[in-house]
PDB file of N, CA and C in Angstrom:
ATOM      1  N   MET A   1      19.300  -2.156 -12.376  1.00  0.00           N
ATOM      2  CA  MET A   1      17.699  -2.219 -12.988  1.00  0.00           C
ATOM      3  C   MET A   1      16.675  -1.244 -12.458  1.00  0.00           C
ATOM      4  N   ASN A   2      16.070  -0.455 -13.250  1.00  0.00           N
ATOM      5  CA  ASN A   2      15.107   0.765 -12.946  1.00  0.00           C
ATOM      6  C   ASN A   2      13.819   0.181 -12.263  1.00  0.00           C
ATOM      7  N   ALA A   3      13.423   0.775 -11.606  1.00  0.00           N
ATOM      8  CA  ALA A   3      12.024   0.516 -10.909  1.00  0.00           C
ATOM      9  C   ALA A   3      10.877   0.126 -12.101  1.00  0.00           C
ATOM     10  N   HIS A   4      10.771   0.705 -13.126  1.00  0.00           N
ATOM     11  CA  HIS A   4       9.870   0.509 -14.135  1.00  0.00           C
ATOM     12  C   HIS A   4      10.127  -1.058 -14.644  1.00  0.00           C
ATOM     13  N   SER A   5      11.114  -1.484 -14.947  1.00  0.00           N
ATOM     14  CA  SER A   5      11.516  -2.897 -15.426  1.00  0.00           C
ATOM     15  C   SER A   5      11.131  -3.721 -14.331  1.00  0.00           C
ATOM     16  N   HIS A   6      11.460  -3.303 -13.288  1.00  0.00           N
ATOM     17  CA  HIS A   6      11.512  -4.482 -11.912  1.00  0.00           C
ATOM     18  C   HIS A   6       9.733  -4.504 -11.905  1.00  0.00           C
ATOM     19  N   VAL A   7       9.096  -3.468 -12.089  1.00  0.00           N
ATOM     20  CA  VAL A   7       7.733  -3.939 -11.865  1.00  0.00           C
ATOM     21  C   VAL A   7       7.088  -4.407 -12.881  1.00  0.00           C
ATOM     22  N   GLY A   8       7.617  -4.134 -14.186  1.00  0.00           N
ATOM     23  CA  GLY A   8       6.979  -5.118 -15.163  1.00  0.00           C
ATOM     24  C   GLY A   8       7.229  -6.356 -14.946  1.00  0.00           C
ATOM     25  N   LYS A   9       8.554  -6.957 -14.601  1.00  0.00           N
ATOM     26  CA  LYS A   9       8.937  -8.254 -14.154  1.00  0.00           C
ATOM     27  C   LYS A   9       7.880  -8.797 -12.948  1.00  0.00           C
ATOM     28  N   GLU A  10       7.380  -8.001 -12.276  1.00  0.00           N
ATOM     29  CA  GLU A  10       6.495  -8.783 -10.718  1.00  0.00           C
ATOM     30  C   GLU A  10       5.302  -8.829 -11.857  1.00  0.00           C
ATOM     31  N   VAL A  11       4.876  -7.882 -12.573  1.00  0.00           N
ATOM     32  CA  VAL A  11       3.464  -8.053 -13.159  1.00  0.00           C
ATOM     33  C   VAL A  11       3.578  -9.575 -14.192  1.00  0.00           C
ATOM     34  N   GLU A  12       4.572  -9.724 -14.615  1.00  0.00           N
ATOM     35  CA  GLU A  12       4.838 -10.957 -15.710  1.00  0.00           C
ATOM     36  C   GLU A  12       4.775 -12.155 -14.727  1.00  0.00           C
ATOM     37  N   GLU A  13       5.342 -11.984 -13.800  1.00  0.00           N
ATOM     38  CA  GLU A  13       5.586 -13.101 -12.702  1.00  0.00           C
ATOM     39  C   GLU A  13       4.147 -13.539 -12.262  1.00  0.00           C
ATOM     40  N   LEU A  14       3.185 -12.400 -11.935  1.00  0.00           N
ATOM     41  CA  LEU A  14       2.068 -12.482 -11.589  1.00  0.00           C
ATOM     42  C   LEU A  14       0.977 -13.388 -12.483  1.00  0.00           C
ATOM     43  N   CYS A  15       1.102 -12.559 -13.682  1.00  0.00           N
ATOM     44  CA  CYS A  15       0.454 -13.208 -14.588  1.00  0.00           C
ATOM     45  C   CYS A  15       0.873 -14.799 -14.918  1.00  0.00           C
ATOM     46  N   SER A  16       1.878 -15.218 -14.846  1.00  0.00           N
ATOM     47  CA  SER A  16       2.475 -16.640 -14.954  1.00  0.00           C
ATOM     48  C   SER A  16       1.918 -17.197 -13.865  1.00  0.00           C
ATOM     49  N   ILE A  17       1.926 -16.988 -12.599  1.00  0.00           N
ATOM     50  CA  ILE A  17       1.385 -17.511 -11.607  1.00  0.00           C
ATOM     51  C   ILE A  17      -0.151 -17.758 -11.684  1.00  0.00           C
ATOM     52  N   ILE A  18      -0.874 -16.903 -12.140  1.00  0.00           N
ATOM     53  CA  ILE A  18      -2.376 -16.948 -12.584  1.00  0.00           C
ATOM     54  C   ILE A  18      -2.475 -18.215 -13.570  1.00  0.00           C
ATOM     55  N   ARG A  19      -1.721 -17.924 -14.632  1.00  0.00           N
ATOM     56  CA  ARG A  19      -1.814 -19.059 -15.725  1.00  0.00           C
ATOM     57  C   ARG A  19      -1.400 -20.518 -14.951  1.00  0.00           C
ATOM     58  N   ARG A  20      -0.536 -20.588 -14.193  1.00  0.00           N
ATOM     59  CA  ARG A  20      -0.395 -21.920 -13.869  1.00  0.00           C
ATOM     60  C   ARG A  20      -1.195 -22.477 -12.733  1.00  0.00           C
ATOM     61  N   THR A  21      -1.862 -21.638 -11.734  1.00  0.00           N
ATOM     62  CA  THR A  21      -2.518 -22.022 -10.733  1.00  0.00           C
ATOM     63  C   THR A  21      -4.051 -21.815 -11.108  1.00  0.00           C
ATOM     64  N   GLY A  22      -4.618 -21.120 -12.212  1.00  0.00           N
ATOM     65  CA  GLY A  22      -5.934 -20.905 -12.094  1.00  0.00           C
ATOM     66  C   GLY A  22      -6.392 -22.010 -13.338  1.00  0.00           C
ATOM     67  N   GLN A  23      -7.872 -21.744 -13.446  1.00  0.00           N
ATOM     68  CA  GLN A  23      -8.612 -22.597 -14.327  1.00  0.00           C
ATOM     69  C   GLN A  23      -9.441 -21.679 -15.419  1.00  0.00           C
ATOM     70  N   VAL A  24      -9.300 -22.601 -16.531  1.00  0.00           N
ATOM     71  CA  VAL A  24      -9.705 -21.850 -17.980  1.00  0.00           C
ATOM     72  C   VAL A  24     -11.079 -21.804 -17.829  1.00  0.00           C
ATOM     73  N   GLY A  25     -11.714 -20.721 -18.107  1.00  0.00           N
ATOM     74  CA  GLY A  25     -13.290 -20.598 -17.851  1.00  0.00           C
ATOM     75  C   GLY A  25     -13.853 -20.935 -19.411  1.00  0.00           C
ATOM     76  N   GLU A  26     -15.210 -20.826 -19.596  1.00  0.00           N
ATOM     77  CA  GLU A  26     -15.741 -21.055 -20.755  1.00  0.00           C
ATOM     78  C   GLU A  26     -15.691 -20.131 -21.994  1.00  0.00           C
ATOM     79  N   ASP A  27     -15.130 -18.798 -21.513  1.00  0.00           N
ATOM     80  CA  ASP A  27     -14.553 -17.785 -22.343  1.00  0.00           C
ATOM     81  C   ASP A  27     -13.041 -17.857 -22.872  1.00  0.00           C
ATOM     82  N   GLY A  28     -12.605 -18.924 -22.321  1.00  0.00           N
ATOM     83  CA  GLY A  28     -10.989 -19.174 -22.472  1.00  0.00           C
ATOM     84  C   GLY A  28      -9.974 -18.343 -21.876  1.00  0.00           C
ATOM     85  N   HIS A  29     -10.663 -17.686 -20.775  1.00  0.00           N
ATOM     86  CA  HIS A  29      -9.721 -16.954 -19.992  1.00  0.00           C
ATOM     87  C   HIS A  29      -9.455 -17.610 -18.644  1.00  0.00           C
ATOM     88  N   VAL A  30      -8.101 -17.538 -18.170  1.00  0.00           N
ATOM     89  CA  VAL A  30      -7.863 -18.228 -16.967  1.00  0.00           C
ATOM     90  C   VAL A  30      -8.045 -17.279 -15.728  1.00  0.00           C
ATOM     91  N   SER A  31      -8.707 -18.066 -14.616  1.00  0.00           N
ATOM     92  CA  SER A  31      -9.111 -17.230 -13.465  1.00  0.00           C
ATOM     93  C   SER A  31      -8.859 -17.862 -12.266  1.00  0.00           C
ATOM     94  N   VAL A  32      -8.495 -17.187 -11.207  1.00  0.00           N
ATOM     95  CA  VAL A  32      -8.464 -17.978  -9.838  1.00  0.00           C
ATOM     96  C   VAL A  32      -8.907 -16.574  -9.040  1.00  0.00           C
ATOM     97  N   THR A  33      -9.345 -17.422  -7.721  1.00  0.00           N
ATOM     98  CA  THR A  33      -9.677 -16.514  -6.791  1.00  0.00           C
ATOM     99  C   THR A  33      -8.492 -15.600  -6.121  1.00  0.00           C
ATOM    100  N   PHE A  34      -8.752 -14.531  -5.465  1.00  0.00           N
ATOM    101  CA  PHE A  34      -7.748 -13.653  -4.517  1.00  0.00           C
ATOM    102  C   PHE A  34      -7.353 -14.480  -3.628  1.00  0.00           C
ATOM    103  N   GLY A  35      -8.147 -15.377  -3.011  1.00  0.00           N
ATOM    104  CA  GLY A  35      -7.428 -16.235  -1.569  1.00  0.00           C
ATOM    105  C   GLY A  35      -6.546 -17.004  -2.071  1.00  0.00           C
ATOM    106  N   GLN A  36      -6.721 -17.984  -3.476  1.00  0.00           N
ATOM    107  CA  GLN A  36      -5.653 -18.912  -3.981  1.00  0.00           C
ATOM    108  C   GLN A  36      -4.795 -18.180  -4.420  1.00  0.00           C
ATOM    109  N   LEU A  37      -4.626 -16.983  -4.951  1.00  0.00           N
ATOM    110  CA  LEU A  37      -3.553 -16.121  -5.572  1.00  0.00           C
ATOM    111  C   LEU A  37      -2.798 -15.645  -4.635  1.00  0.00           C
ATOM    112  N   PHE A  38      -3.457 -15.111  -3.374  1.00  0.00           N
ATOM    113  CA  PHE A  38      -2.434 -14.811  -2.260  1.00  0.00           C
ATOM    114  C   PHE A  38      -1.819 -15.954  -1.620  1.00  0.00           C
ATOM    115  N   GLU A  39      -2.479 -16.959  -1.463  1.00  0.00           N
ATOM    116  CA  GLU A  39      -1.624 -18.117  -0.859  1.00  0.00           C
ATOM    117  C   GLU A  39      -0.376 -18.519  -1.626  1.00  0.00           C
ATOM    118  N   THR A  40      -0.514 -18.589  -2.941  1.00  0.00           N
ATOM    119  CA  THR A  40       0.436 -18.796  -3.833  1.00  0.00           C
ATOM    120  C   THR A  40       1.637 -17.488  -3.873  1.00  0.00           C
ATOM    121  N   TYR A  41       1.282 -16.570  -4.020  1.00  0.00           N
ATOM    122  CA  TYR A  41       2.136 -15.399  -4.181  1.00  0.00           C
ATOM    123  C   TYR A  41       2.769 -14.597  -2.936  1.00  0.00           C
ATOM    124  N   VAL A  42       1.979 -14.822  -1.753  1.00  0.00           N
ATOM    125  CA  VAL A  42       2.447 -14.243  -0.734  1.00  0.00           C
ATOM    126  C   VAL A  42       3.899 -14.708  -0.262  1.00  0.00           C
ATOM    127  N   THR A  43       4.147 -15.801  -0.502  1.00  0.00           N
ATOM    128  CA  THR A  43       5.457 -16.502  -0.290  1.00  0.00           C
ATOM    129  C   THR A  43       6.666 -15.558  -1.042  1.00  0.00           C
ATOM    130  N   ILE A  44       6.294 -15.127  -2.446  1.00  0.00           N
ATOM    131  CA  ILE A  44       7.097 -14.429  -3.540  1.00  0.00           C
ATOM    132  C   ILE A  44       7.158 -12.874  -3.068  1.00  0.00           C
ATOM    133  N   SER A  45       6.269 -12.206  -2.839  1.00  0.00           N
ATOM    134  CA  SER A  45       5.976 -10.947  -2.377  1.00  0.00           C
ATOM    135  C   SER A  45       4.803 -10.661  -1.702  1.00  0.00           C
ATOM    136  N   ASN A  46       4.960  -9.493  -0.733  1.00  0.00           N
ATOM    137  CA  ASN A  46       3.850  -9.308   0.010  1.00  0.00           C
ATOM    138  C   ASN A  46       3.335  -8.063  -0.619  1.00  0.00           C
ATOM    139  N   LYS A  47       3.754  -7.738  -1.869  1.00  0.00           N
ATOM    140  CA  LYS A  47       3.069  -6.511  -2.832  1.00  0.00           C
ATOM    141  C   LYS A  47       1.933  -7.018  -3.787  1.00  0.00           C
ATOM    142  N   VAL A  48       1.485  -8.180  -3.209  1.00  0.00           N
ATOM    143  CA  VAL A  48       0.510  -8.902  -4.394  1.00  0.00           C
ATOM    144  C   VAL A  48      -0.408  -7.858  -4.939  1.00  0.00           C
ATOM    145  N   VAL A  49      -0.993  -7.117  -4.070  1.00  0.00           N
ATOM    146  CA  VAL A  49      -2.433  -6.376  -4.036  1.00  0.00           C
ATOM    147  C   VAL A  49      -1.985  -5.358  -5.028  1.00  0.00           C
ATOM    148  N   GLY A  50      -0.807  -4.385  -4.811  1.00  0.00           N
ATOM    149  CA  GLY A  50      -0.262  -3.446  -5.471  1.00  0.00           C
ATOM    150  C   GLY A  50       0.169  -3.798  -6.974  1.00  0.00           C
ATOM    151  N   ILE A  51       0.583  -5.080  -7.158  1.00  0.00           N
ATOM    152  CA  ILE A  51       1.220  -5.804  -8.431  1.00  0.00           C
ATOM    153  C   ILE A  51      -0.250  -5.936  -9.212  1.00  0.00           C
ATOM    154  N   LEU A  52      -1.237  -6.365  -8.524  1.00  0.00           N
ATOM    155  CA  LEU A  52      -2.725  -6.858  -9.148  1.00  0.00           C
ATOM    156  C   LEU A  52      -3.069  -5.420  -9.569  1.00  0.00           C
ATOM    157  N   LEU A  53      -3.154  -4.362  -8.934  1.00  0.00           N
ATOM    158  CA  LEU A  53      -3.738  -3.071  -9.380  1.00  0.00           C
ATOM    159  C   LEU A  53      -2.981  -2.521 -10.368  1.00  0.00           C
ATOM    160  N   ARG A  54      -1.661  -2.628 -10.558  1.00  0.00           N
ATOM    161  CA  ARG A  54      -0.724  -2.181 -11.731  1.00  0.00           C
ATOM    162  C   ARG A  54      -1.171  -3.190 -12.849  1.00  0.00           C
ATOM    163  N   ALA A  55      -1.178  -4.366 -12.618  1.00  0.00           N
ATOM    164  CA  ALA A  55      -1.677  -5.391 -13.945  1.00  0.00           C
ATOM    165  C   ALA A  55      -3.038  -4.782 -14.479  1.00  0.00           C
ATOM    166  N   ARG A  56      -3.964  -4.629 -13.647  1.00  0.00           N
ATOM    167  CA  ARG A  56      -5.382  -4.103 -14.119  1.00  0.00           C
ATOM    168  C   ARG A  56      -5.304  -2.985 -14.785  1.00  0.00           C
ATOM    169  N   LYS A  57      -4.531  -1.876 -14.369  1.00  0.00           N
ATOM    170  CA  LYS A  57      -4.475  -0.714 -14.940  1.00  0.00           C
ATOM    171  C   LYS A  57      -3.877  -0.970 -16.413  1.00  0.00           C
ATOM    172  N   HIS A  58      -3.006  -1.902 -16.479  1.00  0.00           N
ATOM    173  CA  HIS A  58      -2.471  -2.201 -17.885  1.00  0.00           C
ATOM    174  C   HIS A  58      -3.427  -3.123 -18.756  1.00  0.00           C
ATOM    175  N   GLY A  59      -4.529  -3.612 -18.118  1.00  0.00           N
ATOM    176  CA  GLY A  59      -5.413  -4.605 -19.040  1.00  0.00           C
ATOM    177  C   GLY A  59      -5.148  -5.933 -19.053  1.00  0.00           C
ATOM    178  N   LEU A  60      -4.181  -6.080 -18.010  1.00  0.00           N
ATOM    179  CA  LEU A  60      -3.801  -7.535 -17.929  1.00  0.00           C
ATOM    180  C   LEU A  60      -4.591  -8.537 -17.156  1.00  0.00           C
ATOM    181  N   VAL A  61      -5.284  -7.913 -16.042  1.00  0.00           N
ATOM    182  CA  VAL A  61      -6.214  -8.783 -15.219  1.00  0.00           C
ATOM    183  C   VAL A  61      -7.398  -7.906 -15.105  1.00  0.00           C
ATOM    184  N   HIS A  62      -8.603  -8.661 -14.647  1.00  0.00           N
ATOM    185  CA  HIS A  62      -9.819  -8.189 -14.223  1.00  0.00           C
ATOM    186  C   HIS A  62     -10.324  -8.584 -12.919  1.00  0.00           C
ATOM    187  N   PHE A  63     -10.742  -7.616 -12.119  1.00  0.00           N
ATOM    188  CA  PHE A  63     -11.489  -8.122 -10.966  1.00  0.00           C
ATOM    189  C   PHE A  63     -12.492  -6.944 -10.332  1.00  0.00           C
ATOM    190  N   GLU A  64     -13.483  -7.363  -9.586  1.00  0.00           N
ATOM    191  CA  GLU A  64     -14.338  -6.442  -9.021  1.00  0.00           C
ATOM    192  C   GLU A  64     -13.835  -5.882  -7.884  1.00  0.00           C
ATOM    193  N   GLY A  65     -14.331  -4.670  -7.764  1.00  0.00           N
ATOM    194  CA  GLY A  65     -13.922  -3.799  -6.653  1.00  0.00           C
ATOM    195  C   GLY A  65     -12.708  -2.870  -6.866  1.00  0.00           C
ATOM    196  N   GLU A  66     -12.392  -1.878  -5.935  1.00  0.00           N
ATOM    197  CA  GLU A  66     -11.243  -1.002  -6.099  1.00  0.00           C
ATOM    198  C   GLU A  66      -9.965  -1.364  -5.536  1.00  0.00           C
ATOM    199  N   MET A  67     -10.148  -2.220  -4.435  1.00  0.00           N
ATOM    200  CA  MET A  67      -9.154  -3.009  -3.455  1.00  0.00           C
ATOM    201  C   MET A  67      -9.395  -4.287  -3.152  1.00  0.00           C
ATOM    202  N   LEU A  68      -8.388  -5.003  -2.901  1.00  0.00           N
ATOM    203  CA  LEU A  68      -8.552  -6.440  -2.309  1.00  0.00           C
ATOM    204  C   LEU A  68      -7.730  -6.439  -1.005  1.00  0.00           C
ATOM    205  N   TRP A  69      -8.811  -7.330  -0.095  1.00  0.00           N
ATOM    206  CA  TRP A  69      -8.162  -7.348   1.264  1.00  0.00           C
ATOM    207  C   TRP A  69      -8.026  -8.695   1.627  1.00  0.00           C
ATOM    208  N   GLN A  70      -7.081  -9.244   2.062  1.00  0.00           N
ATOM    209  CA  GLN A  70      -6.832 -10.624   2.630  1.00  0.00           C
ATOM    210  C   GLN A  70      -7.914 -11.015   3.459  1.00  0.00           C
ATOM    211  N   GLY A  71      -8.524 -12.056   3.324  1.00  0.00           N
ATOM    212  CA  GLY A  71      -9.755 -12.687   4.270  1.00  0.00           C
ATOM    213  C   GLY A  71     -10.959 -12.215   3.667  1.00  0.00           C
ATOM    214  N   LYS A  72     -11.322 -10.951   3.901  1.00  0.00           N
ATOM    215  CA  LYS A  72     -12.533 -10.264   3.193  1.00  0.00           C
ATOM    216  C   LYS A  72     -12.951 -10.690   1.700  1.00  0.00           C
ATOM    217  N   ASP A  73     -11.976 -10.290   0.944  1.00  0.00           N
ATOM    218  CA  ASP A  73     -12.033 -10.646  -0.577  1.00  0.00           C
ATOM    219  C   ASP A  73     -11.412 -11.905  -1.067  1.00  0.00           C
ATOM    220  N   ASP A  74     -11.228 -13.067  -0.337  1.00  0.00           N
ATOM    221  CA  ASP A  74     -10.656 -14.231  -1.018  1.00  0.00           C
ATOM    222  C   ASP A  74     -11.429 -15.048  -1.818  1.00  0.00           C
ATOM    223  N   ASP A  75     -12.786 -14.536  -2.028  1.00  0.00           N
ATOM    224  CA  ASP A  75     -13.525 -15.303  -3.181  1.00  0.00           C
ATOM    225  C   ASP A  75     -13.456 -14.420  -4.220  1.00  0.00           C
ATOM    226  N   VAL A  76     -12.927 -13.263  -4.257  1.00  0.00           N
ATOM    227  CA  VAL A  76     -13.008 -12.376  -5.611  1.00  0.00           C
ATOM    228  C   VAL A  76     -12.280 -13.066  -6.520  1.00  0.00           C
ATOM    229  N   VAL A  77     -12.911 -13.178  -7.739  1.00  0.00           N
ATOM    230  CA  VAL A  77     -12.294 -13.861  -9.064  1.00  0.00           C
ATOM    231  C   VAL A  77     -11.356 -12.860  -9.934  1.00  0.00           C
ATOM    232  N   ILE A  78     -10.136 -13.334 -10.185  1.00  0.00           N
ATOM    233  CA  ILE A  78      -9.214 -12.239 -10.707  1.00  0.00           C
ATOM    234  C   ILE A  78      -9.027 -13.234 -11.946  1.00  0.00           C
ATOM    235  N   THR A  79      -9.452 -12.454 -13.065  1.00  0.00           N
ATOM    236  CA  THR A  79      -9.257 -12.976 -14.413  1.00  0.00           C
ATOM    237  C   THR A  79      -8.220 -12.546 -15.335  1.00  0.00           C
ATOM    238  N   LEU A  80      -7.188 -13.456 -16.052  1.00  0.00           N
ATOM    239  CA  LEU A  80      -6.319 -13.080 -16.812  1.00  0.00           C
ATOM    240  C   LEU A  80      -6.824 -12.840 -17.890  1.00  0.00           C
ATOM    241  N   LEU A  81      -6.584 -11.284 -18.457  1.00  0.00           N
ATOM    242  CA  LEU A  81      -7.326 -11.118 -19.886  1.00  0.00           C
ATOM    243  C   LEU A  81      -6.362 -11.254 -21.066  1.00  0.00           C
ATOM    244  N   GLN A  82      -5.069 -11.695 -20.937  1.00  0.00           N
ATOM    245  CA  GLN A  82      -3.976 -11.848 -22.088  1.00  0.00           C
ATOM    246  C   GLN A  82      -3.344 -13.338 -21.781  1.00  0.00           C
TER     247      GLN A  82
END
């Protein structure tokens, strides 16, 4: 398996976790806080922030700020766009 397809699989898994654990907002998009996502995802991968940044680059998720830090950014809302 090459690196690109592996990263794609990780991004898909991340989006799936957001779908399962998040709440549907009035706009129909599913959102979860970084703290909730980190708690759920850290057991699967310690690369959650890198995967989130890649997912945002591909237009799959939205969140405020350039970077996310455990603890400091636990209340930042991550919204699934697709």
